[in-house]
Each structure stands twice: as structure tokens, then as C-alpha cells.
Amino acid sequence: MRVHRIPLQVQENTISNKVDLTLLNPLIEKYKGKKGNLIPLLQGVQATYGYIPRKAFELLAAETGLTLSDMYGVATFYAQFRLSPVGKHIIKVCHGTACHVQGADSISAALKEALRINDGETTPDKFFTLETVACLGCCSLAPVMMIDEETYGKLTGSSAVKIIKDIKIKETQEKESRS
């Protein structure tokens, strides 16, 4: 997966200014001054916003004494952390050996075409983010994808596309029924 960097000025103007940093006060209070607090703090920030905004790094540095370089080093080392917003639903397509042999490439290709995005990108409506992963640990169901916490196995390109279309339709109908 190739990471596309957002120029800093654009990132600060379009993303970080919308972040309510007061949401982090309970998290900072819980972990401030505790040994080994770096990863739990980053996990808490990501749980709050869905990613770790630059302004949150700055606040954590100011409030906890952690350095920006240490936090950024950890956040970029571990794949669990995100530095930019993702879609409401994260689609992970397994490309481990079993899935690869069973046609994971065709699933990824079909999803890229249907969503009109590439690996690592988010749809313009911020509904889906598509990711390739090394292994989901469901080899007997190969080829496999996960959407959020739900696993789908024995897929074809068309069945994978049908699943994402059904999710979109279901949520659109639920939204309309609430209106």
C-alpha cells in the first residue's frame, strides 16, 4: 500500500480544525503521569476520532510531556494507528497465501472498480475505506474480507461488490426511515 501524504497546510485547514480536543480531557486525566501511557493514549485518541489528528499529538505533548517524535514514531510503526480520517466502514481484503491462491486479486479489483478508489483510499462520501491486509486468519474461508468486525468468506468479485452495495442500501433506507 502506498501512502499519499496530504500537504501540511491543507491537512491543518481541512481536518484538524474540526477536532474538538476537549473530548480528550478524560483520557489525558486517566493516563497522565503513568508509565507506559503512550500506546493507550494513542489508542484512546483514535477511538475518539477514528484517527489521530495532528492537533491531538500537540495536545498530548503539551499535557503529558511525551515528545512529538516518540508519539509519531509509535503511531507510524504500528499498523493499527491512522493519521488521516477513514470511512465509516473499513473493508479489509485478505491477501494471505490461501486467499491469494483462491482469487483475492479479483476481489480487490472488483471492489476498486465498484468503489472507484484504490487500496488505502476512502470513498468521497467517507462511507468506505479499502485496505489490503496480509492475513485475517480465516484461511478455511478463503478468499475473505472483513467489513468492520464482520467476516465474509468464499467470495467472488461480484459477491464482494454485492455485500458493499447491500450495506450502502440498508444504511440509506435506515437513514430515510428516521427522517
Protein backbone atom coordinates (compact mmCIF):
# COMPACT_ATOMS: atom_id res chain seq x y z
CA MET A 1 0.00 0.00 0.00
CA ARG A 2 1.38 3.38 -0.94
CA VAL A 3 0.70 6.25 1.46
CA HIS A 4 -0.26 9.56 -0.10
CA ARG A 5 0.67 12.47 2.09
CA ILE A 6 -1.65 15.46 2.44
CA PRO A 7 0.32 18.71 2.41
CA LEU A 8 0.52 20.03 5.98
CA GLN A 9 -1.25 23.31 5.25
CA VAL A 10 -4.19 21.54 3.60
CA GLN A 11 -4.33 18.95 6.38
CA GLU A 12 -4.49 21.56 9.12
CA ASN A 13 -7.11 23.65 7.34
CA THR A 14 -9.45 20.84 6.32
CA ILE A 15 -9.12 18.23 9.05
CA SER A 16 -7.56 19.33 12.31
CA ASN A 17 -9.59 22.48 12.82
CA LYS A 18 -12.76 20.39 13.10
CA VAL A 19 -11.41 18.39 16.05
CA ASP A 20 -12.91 19.02 19.48
CA LEU A 21 -9.88 18.49 21.71
CA THR A 22 -11.93 18.75 24.90
CA LEU A 23 -13.06 15.18 24.20
CA LEU A 24 -9.55 14.09 25.17
CA ASN A 25 -9.63 15.56 28.68
CA PRO A 26 -10.85 12.37 30.42
CA LEU A 27 -8.29 10.29 28.51
CA ILE A 28 -5.43 12.60 29.44
CA GLU A 29 -6.58 12.65 33.06
CA LYS A 30 -6.64 8.84 33.15
CA TYR A 31 -3.14 8.30 31.73
CA LYS A 32 -1.22 11.47 32.64
CA GLY A 33 1.97 10.62 34.51
CA LYS A 34 1.51 6.85 34.21
CA LYS A 35 4.35 4.68 32.97
CA GLY A 36 3.65 3.06 29.60
CA ASN A 37 0.91 5.52 28.69
CA LEU A 38 1.92 6.21 25.09
CA ILE A 39 0.07 3.41 23.30
CA PRO A 40 -3.10 3.61 25.44
CA LEU A 41 -3.21 7.38 24.81
CA LEU A 42 -2.86 6.93 21.06
CA GLN A 43 -5.48 4.15 21.08
CA GLY A 44 -7.85 6.37 23.05
CA VAL A 45 -7.40 9.29 20.65
CA GLN A 46 -8.06 7.02 17.69
CA ALA A 47 -11.11 5.52 19.39
CA THR A 48 -12.43 9.06 19.85
CA TYR A 49 -11.85 10.43 16.35
CA GLY A 50 -11.27 7.36 14.16
CA TYR A 51 -7.71 8.54 13.52
CA ILE A 52 -5.05 10.57 15.33
CA PRO A 53 -5.26 14.25 14.34
CA ARG A 54 -2.14 16.42 14.42
CA LYS A 55 -3.74 18.73 16.98
CA ALA A 56 -4.20 15.72 19.29
CA PHE A 57 -0.48 14.92 19.07
CA GLU A 58 0.27 18.51 20.03
CA LEU A 59 -2.16 18.45 22.95
CA LEU A 60 -0.79 15.15 24.26
CA ALA A 61 2.76 16.52 24.06
CA ALA A 62 1.77 19.64 25.99
CA GLU A 63 -0.29 17.82 28.63
CA THR A 64 1.70 14.62 29.20
CA GLY A 65 5.29 15.53 28.40
CA LEU A 66 5.51 12.86 25.70
CA THR A 67 7.53 14.06 22.71
CA LEU A 68 6.01 14.51 19.29
CA SER A 69 8.77 12.38 17.77
CA ASP A 70 8.11 9.47 20.18
CA MET A 71 4.37 9.59 19.57
CA TYR A 72 4.74 9.90 15.80
CA GLY A 73 7.31 7.10 15.77
CA VAL A 74 4.92 4.73 17.54
CA ALA A 75 1.90 5.85 15.50
CA THR A 76 3.71 5.23 12.21
CA PHE A 77 5.30 1.95 13.32
CA TYR A 78 2.09 0.14 14.27
CA ALA A 79 -0.42 -0.54 11.50
CA GLN A 80 -3.34 -0.10 13.92
CA PHE A 81 -2.87 3.67 14.02
CA ARG A 82 -4.20 6.07 11.39
CA LEU A 83 -3.06 9.60 10.77
CA SER A 84 -5.91 10.60 8.49
CA PRO A 85 -9.67 10.09 8.58
CA VAL A 86 -11.14 6.85 7.27
CA GLY A 87 -14.56 5.87 6.04
CA LYS A 88 -17.44 4.79 8.25
CA HIS A 89 -16.82 1.19 7.16
CA ILE A 90 -13.35 -0.26 6.69
CA ILE A 91 -13.11 -3.06 4.14
CA LYS A 92 -10.09 -5.32 4.66
CA VAL A 93 -9.38 -7.73 1.84
CA CYS A 94 -7.10 -10.62 2.84
CA HIS A 95 -4.17 -11.29 0.52
CA GLY A 96 -2.55 -14.03 2.59
CA THR A 97 -1.41 -17.18 0.78
CA ALA A 98 -4.73 -19.07 0.93
CA CYS A 99 -6.75 -16.03 -0.14
CA HIS A 100 -4.26 -15.09 -2.84
CA VAL A 101 -4.42 -18.58 -4.34
CA GLN A 102 -8.24 -18.51 -4.20
CA GLY A 103 -8.53 -15.19 -6.07
CA ALA A 104 -8.11 -12.27 -3.67
CA ASP A 105 -6.78 -10.13 -6.52
CA SER A 106 -10.11 -10.38 -8.35
CA ILE A 107 -11.97 -9.35 -5.19
CA SER A 108 -9.77 -6.31 -4.71
CA ALA A 109 -10.08 -5.38 -8.37
CA ALA A 110 -13.89 -5.64 -8.28
CA LEU A 111 -14.10 -3.53 -5.11
CA LYS A 112 -11.73 -0.89 -6.51
CA GLU A 113 -13.85 -0.64 -9.63
CA ALA A 114 -17.17 -0.54 -7.77
CA LEU A 115 -15.99 2.00 -5.19
CA ARG A 116 -13.83 3.95 -7.66
CA ILE A 117 -10.94 4.08 -5.20
CA ASN A 118 -7.55 2.41 -4.85
CA ASP A 119 -6.10 0.44 -1.98
CA GLY A 120 -5.72 2.62 1.11
CA GLU A 121 -8.20 5.23 -0.11
CA THR A 122 -11.59 6.35 1.15
CA THR A 123 -14.66 6.99 -0.97
CA PRO A 124 -15.52 10.69 -1.45
CA ASP A 125 -18.66 10.25 0.69
CA LYS A 126 -16.45 8.88 3.53
CA PHE A 127 -18.54 5.71 3.62
CA PHE A 128 -15.89 3.06 2.78
CA THR A 129 -12.13 2.73 3.13
CA LEU A 130 -10.47 -0.13 1.23
CA GLU A 131 -7.39 -1.87 2.63
CA THR A 132 -5.29 -4.85 1.65
CA VAL A 133 -4.15 -6.90 4.64
CA ALA A 134 -1.62 -9.73 4.90
CA CYS A 135 -3.85 -12.21 6.72
CA LEU A 136 -7.17 -12.26 8.53
CA GLY A 137 -6.67 -15.76 9.94
CA CYS A 138 -9.68 -17.27 8.19
CA CYS A 139 -7.87 -19.46 5.68
CA SER A 140 -10.61 -22.10 5.54
CA LEU A 141 -13.00 -19.40 4.25
CA ALA A 142 -10.62 -18.10 1.55
CA PRO A 143 -10.91 -15.73 -0.13
CA VAL A 144 -12.03 -13.47 2.72
CA MET A 145 -12.78 -9.85 3.51
CA MET A 146 -13.81 -8.11 6.70
CA ILE A 147 -16.04 -5.09 6.89
CA ASP A 148 -15.67 -3.58 10.33
CA GLU A 149 -15.96 -6.65 12.60
CA GLU A 150 -17.94 -8.86 10.18
CA THR A 151 -16.11 -11.55 8.17
CA TYR A 152 -17.25 -12.66 4.72
CA GLY A 153 -15.78 -15.78 3.12
CA LYS A 154 -15.80 -17.88 -0.03
CA LEU A 155 -16.08 -14.67 -2.03
CA THR A 156 -16.02 -13.79 -5.69
CA GLY A 157 -15.58 -10.30 -7.04
CA SER A 158 -19.30 -9.98 -7.70
CA SER A 159 -20.34 -11.32 -4.29
CA ALA A 160 -17.97 -8.86 -2.57
CA VAL A 161 -19.45 -5.97 -4.53
CA LYS A 162 -22.98 -7.15 -3.71
CA ILE A 163 -22.12 -7.11 0.01
CA ILE A 164 -20.93 -3.50 -0.06
CA LYS A 165 -23.92 -2.41 -2.14
CA ASP A 166 -26.28 -4.13 0.32
CA ILE A 167 -24.62 -2.34 3.25
CA LYS A 168 -25.00 1.01 1.50
CA ILE A 169 -28.65 0.34 0.59
CA LYS A 170 -29.51 -0.84 4.12
CA GLU A 171 -27.98 2.23 5.76
CA THR A 172 -29.58 4.60 3.25
CA GLN A 173 -33.00 3.06 3.95
CA GLU A 174 -32.46 3.26 7.73
CA LYS A 175 -31.45 6.90 7.42
CA GLU A 176 -34.52 7.72 5.33
CA SER A 177 -36.86 5.93 7.75
CA ARG A 178 -35.52 8.06 10.63
CA SER A 179 -36.16 11.27 8.69
